[in-house]
């Protein structure tokens, strides 16, 4: 019997404490069960799940486009909070909005410095590259192994890294 995605995530949470960036990415295409896995992790850990698109966009409503780009790192930090040792982030697509001119992986690494972050990632690890979206998509990103730095990747179709 294969290990569930939630079990793979749970197995990596304790190991994240040893990393500089305590970031765990749950990588898989849309519709592959990432949100369901986060719900199972929440049930096991009591951690809160944050719908990042919803929470960040609420805070951006009154801001100009320029202010949105400038304030995004602070808004992300505000949404994640400082009190929880473990936070589960779902629906992170807003970080990839080209108009915000941000590096989504760097933003996630920054908020995972003092707490463990488990974030869903619509993409996959392929040939030593971490991809987000399809190459023809405007939000497409590709990170090489050396750019990724300290993070853990969990995927439903492969062994955890």
N, C-alpha and C. Protein backbone atom coordinates (compact mmCIF):
# COMPACT_ATOMS: atom_id res chain seq x y z
N UNK A 1 0.84 -1.17 0.00
CA UNK A 1 0.00 0.00 0.00
C UNK A 1 0.89 1.24 0.00
N UNK A 2 0.60 2.19 -0.87
CA UNK A 2 1.43 3.38 -0.95
C UNK A 2 1.03 4.38 0.13
N UNK A 3 2.00 5.19 0.51
CA UNK A 3 1.81 6.20 1.54
C UNK A 3 0.97 7.34 0.98
N UNK A 4 0.01 7.83 1.76
CA UNK A 4 -0.83 8.94 1.30
C UNK A 4 -0.02 10.23 1.25
N UNK A 5 -0.51 11.19 0.48
CA UNK A 5 0.16 12.48 0.38
C UNK A 5 0.22 13.16 1.75
N UNK A 6 -0.85 13.10 2.51
CA UNK A 6 -0.86 13.69 3.86
C UNK A 6 0.18 13.03 4.75
N UNK A 7 0.31 11.71 4.67
CA UNK A 7 1.32 11.01 5.47
C UNK A 7 2.73 11.43 5.08
N UNK A 8 2.95 11.65 3.78
CA UNK A 8 4.26 12.12 3.31
C UNK A 8 4.57 13.50 3.89
N UNK A 9 3.57 14.37 3.91
CA UNK A 9 3.76 15.71 4.47
C UNK A 9 4.05 15.62 5.97
N UNK A 10 3.24 14.86 6.67
CA UNK A 10 3.43 14.71 8.12
C UNK A 10 4.82 14.18 8.46
N UNK A 11 5.33 13.27 7.64
CA UNK A 11 6.65 12.70 7.88
C UNK A 11 7.76 13.73 7.69
N UNK A 12 7.51 14.76 6.91
CA UNK A 12 8.53 15.78 6.63
C UNK A 12 8.48 16.98 7.58
N UNK A 13 7.39 17.16 8.30
CA UNK A 13 7.24 18.36 9.14
C UNK A 13 8.32 18.45 10.21
N UNK A 14 8.59 17.37 10.92
CA UNK A 14 9.62 17.42 11.96
C UNK A 14 10.99 17.70 11.37
N UNK A 15 11.28 17.15 10.21
CA UNK A 15 12.57 17.37 9.57
C UNK A 15 12.78 18.80 9.10
N UNK A 16 11.71 19.53 8.90
CA UNK A 16 11.82 20.91 8.44
C UNK A 16 12.46 21.81 9.49
N UNK A 17 12.37 21.44 10.75
CA UNK A 17 12.95 22.26 11.83
C UNK A 17 14.46 22.44 11.67
N UNK A 18 15.12 21.52 11.00
CA UNK A 18 16.57 21.60 10.83
C UNK A 18 16.99 22.49 9.67
N UNK A 19 16.04 22.93 8.87
CA UNK A 19 16.34 23.74 7.69
C UNK A 19 16.37 25.23 8.01
N UNK A 20 17.14 25.97 7.24
CA UNK A 20 17.16 27.43 7.38
C UNK A 20 15.80 27.99 6.99
N UNK A 21 15.29 27.57 5.84
CA UNK A 21 13.92 27.90 5.43
C UNK A 21 13.08 26.67 5.70
N UNK A 22 12.17 26.76 6.61
CA UNK A 22 11.34 25.62 7.01
C UNK A 22 10.13 25.54 6.08
N UNK A 23 10.41 25.27 4.82
CA UNK A 23 9.39 25.28 3.77
C UNK A 23 9.22 23.89 3.18
N UNK A 24 7.97 23.45 3.14
CA UNK A 24 7.62 22.18 2.50
C UNK A 24 6.64 22.51 1.39
N UNK A 25 7.00 22.16 0.16
CA UNK A 25 6.11 22.36 -0.98
C UNK A 25 5.45 21.04 -1.35
N UNK A 26 4.14 21.06 -1.45
CA UNK A 26 3.38 19.90 -1.90
C UNK A 26 3.13 20.14 -3.39
N UNK A 27 3.91 19.47 -4.22
CA UNK A 27 3.89 19.74 -5.66
C UNK A 27 3.08 18.69 -6.40
N UNK A 28 2.14 19.18 -7.20
CA UNK A 28 1.32 18.32 -8.04
C UNK A 28 0.43 19.23 -8.90
N UNK A 29 -0.07 18.71 -10.01
CA UNK A 29 -0.98 19.51 -10.83
C UNK A 29 -2.31 19.75 -10.12
N UNK A 30 -3.07 20.72 -10.60
CA UNK A 30 -4.41 21.00 -10.06
C UNK A 30 -5.25 19.73 -10.09
N UNK A 31 -6.07 19.57 -9.06
CA UNK A 31 -6.99 18.43 -9.00
C UNK A 31 -6.36 17.13 -8.56
N UNK A 32 -5.16 17.18 -8.01
CA UNK A 32 -4.48 15.93 -7.64
C UNK A 32 -4.57 15.60 -6.15
N UNK A 33 -5.33 16.39 -5.37
CA UNK A 33 -5.55 16.07 -3.97
C UNK A 33 -4.70 16.84 -2.98
N UNK A 34 -4.08 17.92 -3.40
CA UNK A 34 -3.23 18.70 -2.48
C UNK A 34 -4.06 19.32 -1.34
N UNK A 35 -5.20 19.91 -1.68
CA UNK A 35 -6.04 20.54 -0.65
C UNK A 35 -6.56 19.49 0.33
N UNK A 36 -6.97 18.36 -0.18
CA UNK A 36 -7.44 17.27 0.68
C UNK A 36 -6.32 16.82 1.63
N UNK A 37 -5.11 16.74 1.12
CA UNK A 37 -3.97 16.35 1.96
C UNK A 37 -3.74 17.39 3.06
N UNK A 38 -3.85 18.69 2.72
CA UNK A 38 -3.69 19.73 3.74
C UNK A 38 -4.75 19.61 4.82
N UNK A 39 -5.97 19.28 4.41
CA UNK A 39 -7.05 19.09 5.40
C UNK A 39 -6.73 17.94 6.35
N UNK A 40 -6.16 16.88 5.83
CA UNK A 40 -5.76 15.74 6.68
C UNK A 40 -4.62 16.14 7.61
N UNK A 41 -3.69 16.93 7.11
CA UNK A 41 -2.59 17.40 7.95
C UNK A 41 -3.14 18.29 9.06
N UNK A 42 -4.09 19.15 8.72
CA UNK A 42 -4.72 20.01 9.74
C UNK A 42 -5.37 19.16 10.82
N UNK A 43 -6.06 18.12 10.42
CA UNK A 43 -6.72 17.25 11.40
C UNK A 43 -5.71 16.60 12.34
N UNK A 44 -4.54 16.26 11.82
CA UNK A 44 -3.52 15.59 12.63
C UNK A 44 -2.72 16.55 13.49
N UNK A 45 -2.56 17.80 13.03
CA UNK A 45 -1.66 18.73 13.72
C UNK A 45 -2.36 19.89 14.42
N UNK A 46 -3.59 20.19 14.00
CA UNK A 46 -4.28 21.36 14.53
C UNK A 46 -3.85 22.67 13.90
N UNK A 47 -2.97 22.60 12.90
CA UNK A 47 -2.50 23.81 12.22
C UNK A 47 -3.64 24.41 11.40
N UNK A 48 -3.55 25.71 11.18
CA UNK A 48 -4.60 26.35 10.38
C UNK A 48 -4.23 26.35 8.90
N UNK A 49 -5.27 26.25 8.08
CA UNK A 49 -5.11 26.34 6.62
C UNK A 49 -5.49 27.76 6.22
N UNK A 50 -4.64 28.38 5.42
CA UNK A 50 -4.89 29.73 4.94
C UNK A 50 -5.10 29.68 3.43
N UNK A 51 -6.24 30.20 2.97
CA UNK A 51 -6.48 30.38 1.54
C UNK A 51 -5.76 31.69 1.19
N UNK A 52 -4.56 31.57 0.67
CA UNK A 52 -3.72 32.75 0.47
C UNK A 52 -4.32 33.73 -0.54
N UNK A 53 -4.89 33.23 -1.62
CA UNK A 53 -5.52 34.13 -2.60
C UNK A 53 -6.56 35.01 -1.93
N UNK A 54 -7.42 34.42 -1.15
CA UNK A 54 -8.50 35.15 -0.50
C UNK A 54 -7.96 36.17 0.51
N UNK A 55 -7.09 35.74 1.38
CA UNK A 55 -6.62 36.60 2.46
C UNK A 55 -5.74 37.75 1.95
N UNK A 56 -4.86 37.49 1.00
CA UNK A 56 -4.01 38.56 0.49
C UNK A 56 -4.82 39.52 -0.37
N UNK A 57 -5.71 38.99 -1.20
CA UNK A 57 -6.50 39.89 -2.07
C UNK A 57 -7.42 40.79 -1.24
N UNK A 58 -7.94 40.30 -0.13
CA UNK A 58 -8.75 41.16 0.77
C UNK A 58 -7.94 42.35 1.25
N UNK A 59 -6.69 42.10 1.58
CA UNK A 59 -5.83 43.17 2.10
C UNK A 59 -5.36 44.12 1.00
N UNK A 60 -5.47 43.70 -0.24
CA UNK A 60 -5.02 44.53 -1.36
C UNK A 60 -6.12 45.40 -1.97
N UNK A 61 -7.34 45.21 -1.56
CA UNK A 61 -8.47 45.90 -2.19
C UNK A 61 -8.31 47.41 -2.29
N UNK A 62 -7.84 48.04 -1.26
CA UNK A 62 -7.75 49.50 -1.22
C UNK A 62 -6.40 50.03 -1.72
N UNK A 63 -5.52 49.14 -2.18
CA UNK A 63 -4.18 49.57 -2.59
C UNK A 63 -4.11 49.78 -4.10
N UNK A 64 -3.23 50.69 -4.52
CA UNK A 64 -2.97 50.86 -5.95
C UNK A 64 -2.11 49.70 -6.43
N UNK A 65 -1.96 49.54 -7.73
CA UNK A 65 -1.15 48.45 -8.27
C UNK A 65 0.30 48.54 -7.77
N UNK A 66 0.82 49.75 -7.74
CA UNK A 66 2.19 49.94 -7.26
C UNK A 66 2.30 49.56 -5.78
N UNK A 67 1.34 49.99 -4.97
CA UNK A 67 1.36 49.66 -3.54
C UNK A 67 1.24 48.15 -3.32
N UNK A 68 0.45 47.50 -4.17
CA UNK A 68 0.31 46.04 -4.05
C UNK A 68 1.65 45.35 -4.20
N UNK A 69 2.38 45.74 -5.22
CA UNK A 69 3.69 45.13 -5.46
C UNK A 69 4.66 45.41 -4.31
N UNK A 70 4.63 46.62 -3.81
CA UNK A 70 5.54 46.99 -2.73
C UNK A 70 5.19 46.34 -1.40
N UNK A 71 3.91 46.17 -1.14
CA UNK A 71 3.46 45.69 0.16
C UNK A 71 3.26 44.18 0.24
N UNK A 72 3.33 43.47 -0.89
CA UNK A 72 3.05 42.04 -0.88
C UNK A 72 3.86 41.26 0.15
N UNK A 73 5.17 41.45 0.27
CA UNK A 73 5.90 40.69 1.30
C UNK A 73 5.35 40.92 2.71
N UNK A 74 5.02 42.16 3.04
CA UNK A 74 4.47 42.46 4.36
C UNK A 74 3.07 41.86 4.54
N UNK A 75 2.27 41.91 3.48
CA UNK A 75 0.92 41.34 3.55
C UNK A 75 0.98 39.83 3.75
N UNK A 76 1.91 39.18 3.06
CA UNK A 76 2.08 37.74 3.22
C UNK A 76 2.48 37.41 4.65
N UNK A 77 3.41 38.17 5.19
CA UNK A 77 3.84 37.95 6.57
C UNK A 77 2.69 38.16 7.54
N UNK A 78 1.87 39.17 7.29
CA UNK A 78 0.70 39.45 8.13
C UNK A 78 -0.31 38.31 8.08
N UNK A 79 -0.56 37.78 6.89
CA UNK A 79 -1.52 36.68 6.72
C UNK A 79 -1.02 35.42 7.42
N UNK A 80 0.25 35.13 7.28
CA UNK A 80 0.81 33.93 7.90
C UNK A 80 0.82 34.06 9.42
N UNK A 81 1.09 35.27 9.91
CA UNK A 81 1.11 35.48 11.35
C UNK A 81 2.43 35.08 11.96
N UNK A 82 2.57 35.39 13.22
CA UNK A 82 3.84 35.11 13.91
C UNK A 82 3.71 34.08 15.03
N UNK A 83 2.49 33.74 15.40
CA UNK A 83 2.30 32.90 16.58
C UNK A 83 2.29 31.41 16.32
N UNK A 84 1.90 31.01 15.12
CA UNK A 84 1.75 29.58 14.82
C UNK A 84 3.08 28.98 14.36
N UNK A 85 3.50 27.86 14.96
CA UNK A 85 4.74 27.22 14.53
C UNK A 85 4.60 26.48 13.19
N UNK A 86 3.34 26.19 12.80
CA UNK A 86 3.07 25.49 11.55
C UNK A 86 1.86 26.14 10.89
N UNK A 87 2.00 26.53 9.61
CA UNK A 87 0.90 27.12 8.86
C UNK A 87 0.82 26.41 7.52
N UNK A 88 -0.40 26.09 7.11
CA UNK A 88 -0.66 25.41 5.84
C UNK A 88 -1.22 26.43 4.86
N UNK A 89 -0.56 26.62 3.71
CA UNK A 89 -0.99 27.59 2.72
C UNK A 89 -1.54 26.89 1.49
N UNK A 90 -2.75 27.25 1.12
CA UNK A 90 -3.38 26.70 -0.07
C UNK A 90 -3.76 27.86 -0.99
N UNK A 91 -3.92 27.56 -2.26
CA UNK A 91 -4.31 28.59 -3.25
C UNK A 91 -3.33 29.76 -3.22
N UNK A 92 -2.10 29.50 -3.61
CA UNK A 92 -1.05 30.52 -3.54
C UNK A 92 -0.85 31.25 -4.87
N UNK A 93 -1.76 31.08 -5.80
CA UNK A 93 -1.60 31.62 -7.16
C UNK A 93 -1.34 33.12 -7.19
N UNK A 94 -1.86 33.87 -6.23
CA UNK A 94 -1.69 35.33 -6.23
C UNK A 94 -0.21 35.71 -6.19
N UNK A 95 0.62 34.88 -5.59
CA UNK A 95 2.05 35.18 -5.53
C UNK A 95 2.70 35.19 -6.91
N UNK A 96 2.08 34.51 -7.86
CA UNK A 96 2.62 34.37 -9.21
C UNK A 96 2.08 35.42 -10.18
N UNK A 97 1.20 36.29 -9.71
CA UNK A 97 0.63 37.33 -10.57
C UNK A 97 1.77 38.19 -11.13
N UNK A 98 1.92 38.20 -12.45
CA UNK A 98 3.03 38.91 -13.10
C UNK A 98 3.02 40.40 -12.77
N UNK A 99 1.85 40.99 -12.57
CA UNK A 99 1.78 42.43 -12.29
C UNK A 99 2.38 42.78 -10.93
N UNK A 100 2.52 41.80 -10.04
CA UNK A 100 3.09 42.06 -8.72
C UNK A 100 4.62 42.02 -8.72
N UNK A 101 5.20 41.49 -9.78
CA UNK A 101 6.66 41.50 -9.97
C UNK A 101 7.41 40.93 -8.77
N UNK A 102 7.03 39.73 -8.35
CA UNK A 102 7.64 39.09 -7.19
C UNK A 102 8.22 37.74 -7.57
N UNK A 103 9.11 37.24 -6.74
CA UNK A 103 9.63 35.89 -6.88
C UNK A 103 8.88 35.04 -5.84
N UNK A 104 7.88 34.26 -6.26
CA UNK A 104 7.04 33.52 -5.31
C UNK A 104 7.81 32.59 -4.38
N UNK A 105 8.82 31.91 -4.90
CA UNK A 105 9.57 30.99 -4.04
C UNK A 105 10.32 31.76 -2.96
N UNK A 106 10.91 32.88 -3.30
CA UNK A 106 11.61 33.70 -2.30
C UNK A 106 10.65 34.24 -1.24
N UNK A 107 9.46 34.63 -1.65
CA UNK A 107 8.46 35.09 -0.68
C UNK A 107 8.12 33.99 0.32
N UNK A 108 7.90 32.77 -0.19
CA UNK A 108 7.58 31.64 0.68
C UNK A 108 8.75 31.30 1.59
N UNK A 109 9.96 31.37 1.05
CA UNK A 109 11.13 31.10 1.88
C UNK A 109 11.25 32.14 3.00
N UNK A 110 10.97 33.38 2.69
CA UNK A 110 11.08 34.44 3.70
C UNK A 110 10.12 34.21 4.87
N UNK A 111 8.87 33.83 4.58
CA UNK A 111 7.92 33.62 5.69
C UNK A 111 8.14 32.29 6.40
N UNK A 112 8.96 31.42 5.82
CA UNK A 112 9.21 30.13 6.46
C UNK A 112 10.49 30.14 7.29
N UNK A 113 11.07 31.28 7.48
CA UNK A 113 12.31 31.36 8.25
C UNK A 113 12.10 31.04 9.73
N UNK A 114 11.00 31.49 10.31
CA UNK A 114 10.78 31.31 11.75
C UNK A 114 9.57 30.44 12.08
N UNK A 115 9.05 29.77 11.09
CA UNK A 115 7.92 28.86 11.30
C UNK A 115 7.92 27.88 10.13
N UNK A 116 7.30 26.73 10.33
CA UNK A 116 7.20 25.77 9.24
C UNK A 116 5.99 26.11 8.39
N UNK A 117 6.22 26.19 7.08
CA UNK A 117 5.18 26.48 6.12
C UNK A 117 5.04 25.27 5.20
N UNK A 118 3.82 24.79 5.06
CA UNK A 118 3.51 23.76 4.07
C UNK A 118 2.62 24.46 3.05
N UNK A 119 3.08 24.52 1.80
CA UNK A 119 2.34 25.24 0.76
C UNK A 119 2.08 24.33 -0.43
N UNK A 120 0.88 24.44 -0.98
CA UNK A 120 0.58 23.71 -2.20
C UNK A 120 1.23 24.42 -3.37
N UNK A 121 1.65 23.67 -4.38
CA UNK A 121 2.40 24.21 -5.52
C UNK A 121 1.90 23.50 -6.77
N UNK A 122 1.23 24.24 -7.65
CA UNK A 122 0.69 23.65 -8.89
C UNK A 122 1.79 23.46 -9.91
N UNK A 123 2.51 22.39 -9.78
CA UNK A 123 3.61 22.10 -10.69
C UNK A 123 4.24 20.80 -10.31
N UNK A 124 5.51 20.64 -10.72
CA UNK A 124 6.18 19.38 -10.41
C UNK A 124 7.68 19.55 -10.46
N UNK A 125 8.37 18.59 -9.85
CA UNK A 125 9.81 18.51 -9.89
C UNK A 125 10.14 17.60 -11.07
N UNK A 126 10.90 18.16 -12.01
CA UNK A 126 11.18 17.41 -13.23
C UNK A 126 12.60 17.72 -13.70
N UNK A 127 13.41 16.66 -13.86
CA UNK A 127 14.79 16.82 -14.31
C UNK A 127 15.56 17.84 -13.47
N UNK A 128 15.41 17.75 -12.16
CA UNK A 128 16.09 18.64 -11.22
C UNK A 128 15.62 20.09 -11.27
N UNK A 129 14.50 20.34 -11.90
CA UNK A 129 13.91 21.68 -11.92
C UNK A 129 12.54 21.64 -11.27
N UNK A 130 12.27 22.64 -10.44
CA UNK A 130 10.95 22.80 -9.84
C UNK A 130 10.16 23.74 -10.74
N UNK A 131 9.07 23.25 -11.31
CA UNK A 131 8.26 24.04 -12.23
C UNK A 131 6.94 24.42 -11.58
N UNK A 132 6.45 25.59 -11.97
CA UNK A 132 5.11 26.03 -11.57
C UNK A 132 4.36 26.34 -12.85
N UNK A 133 3.22 25.72 -13.04
CA UNK A 133 2.36 25.91 -14.22
C UNK A 133 3.05 25.32 -15.46
N UNK A 134 2.41 25.49 -16.60
CA UNK A 134 2.93 25.00 -17.87
C UNK A 134 3.73 26.11 -18.54
N UNK A 135 4.72 25.75 -19.35
CA UNK A 135 5.57 26.78 -19.97
C UNK A 135 4.83 27.87 -20.73
N UNK A 136 3.70 27.56 -21.31
CA UNK A 136 2.96 28.57 -22.08
C UNK A 136 2.08 29.47 -21.20
N UNK A 137 1.99 29.17 -19.92
CA UNK A 137 1.16 29.94 -19.00
C UNK A 137 1.90 31.21 -18.56
N UNK A 138 1.22 32.36 -18.42
CA UNK A 138 1.91 33.60 -18.04
C UNK A 138 2.54 33.56 -16.64
N UNK A 139 2.07 32.67 -15.79
CA UNK A 139 2.61 32.58 -14.43
C UNK A 139 3.69 31.51 -14.30
N UNK A 140 4.12 30.94 -15.42
CA UNK A 140 5.11 29.87 -15.42
C UNK A 140 6.40 30.32 -14.73
N UNK A 141 6.92 29.45 -13.87
CA UNK A 141 8.21 29.66 -13.21
C UNK A 141 8.98 28.35 -13.24
N UNK A 142 10.29 28.47 -13.29
CA UNK A 142 11.16 27.30 -13.28
C UNK A 142 12.36 27.63 -12.40
N UNK A 143 12.60 26.76 -11.40
CA UNK A 143 13.69 26.96 -10.47
C UNK A 143 14.65 25.78 -10.54
N UNK A 144 15.94 26.08 -10.66
CA UNK A 144 16.93 25.00 -10.67
C UNK A 144 17.23 24.58 -9.24
N UNK A 145 17.91 23.49 -9.08
CA UNK A 145 18.23 22.96 -7.75
C UNK A 145 18.97 23.99 -6.90
N UNK A 146 19.97 24.68 -7.45
CA UNK A 146 20.74 25.62 -6.65
C UNK A 146 19.96 26.87 -6.27
N UNK A 147 18.97 27.27 -7.05
CA UNK A 147 18.15 28.44 -6.72
C UNK A 147 17.13 28.08 -5.64
N UNK A 148 16.70 26.84 -5.61
CA UNK A 148 15.66 26.43 -4.66
C UNK A 148 16.13 26.53 -3.22
N UNK A 149 17.39 26.24 -2.97
CA UNK A 149 17.91 26.35 -1.60
C UNK A 149 17.26 25.35 -0.66
N UNK A 150 17.15 25.74 0.59
CA UNK A 150 16.61 24.87 1.64
C UNK A 150 15.10 24.78 1.55
N UNK A 151 14.60 23.66 1.12
CA UNK A 151 13.18 23.38 1.16
C UNK A 151 12.97 21.90 0.94
N UNK A 152 11.83 21.42 1.34
CA UNK A 152 11.47 20.02 1.14
C UNK A 152 10.34 19.97 0.13
N UNK A 153 10.38 18.96 -0.73
CA UNK A 153 9.34 18.81 -1.74
C UNK A 153 8.67 17.47 -1.52
N UNK A 154 7.34 17.50 -1.47
CA UNK A 154 6.53 16.29 -1.33
C UNK A 154 5.62 16.21 -2.53
N UNK A 155 5.57 15.05 -3.13
CA UNK A 155 4.78 14.86 -4.34
C UNK A 155 3.99 13.55 -4.23
N UNK A 156 2.78 13.49 -4.77
CA UNK A 156 2.00 12.26 -4.66
C UNK A 156 2.56 11.12 -5.50
N UNK A 157 3.30 11.42 -6.56
CA UNK A 157 3.73 10.39 -7.49
C UNK A 157 5.18 9.99 -7.38
N UNK A 158 5.90 10.56 -6.42
CA UNK A 158 7.31 10.26 -6.27
C UNK A 158 7.69 10.24 -4.80
N UNK A 159 8.86 9.70 -4.54
CA UNK A 159 9.35 9.72 -3.17
C UNK A 159 9.63 11.14 -2.75
N UNK A 160 9.42 11.45 -1.49
CA UNK A 160 9.67 12.80 -0.97
C UNK A 160 11.16 13.10 -1.06
N UNK A 161 11.48 14.40 -1.27
CA UNK A 161 12.87 14.82 -1.39
C UNK A 161 13.25 15.69 -0.22
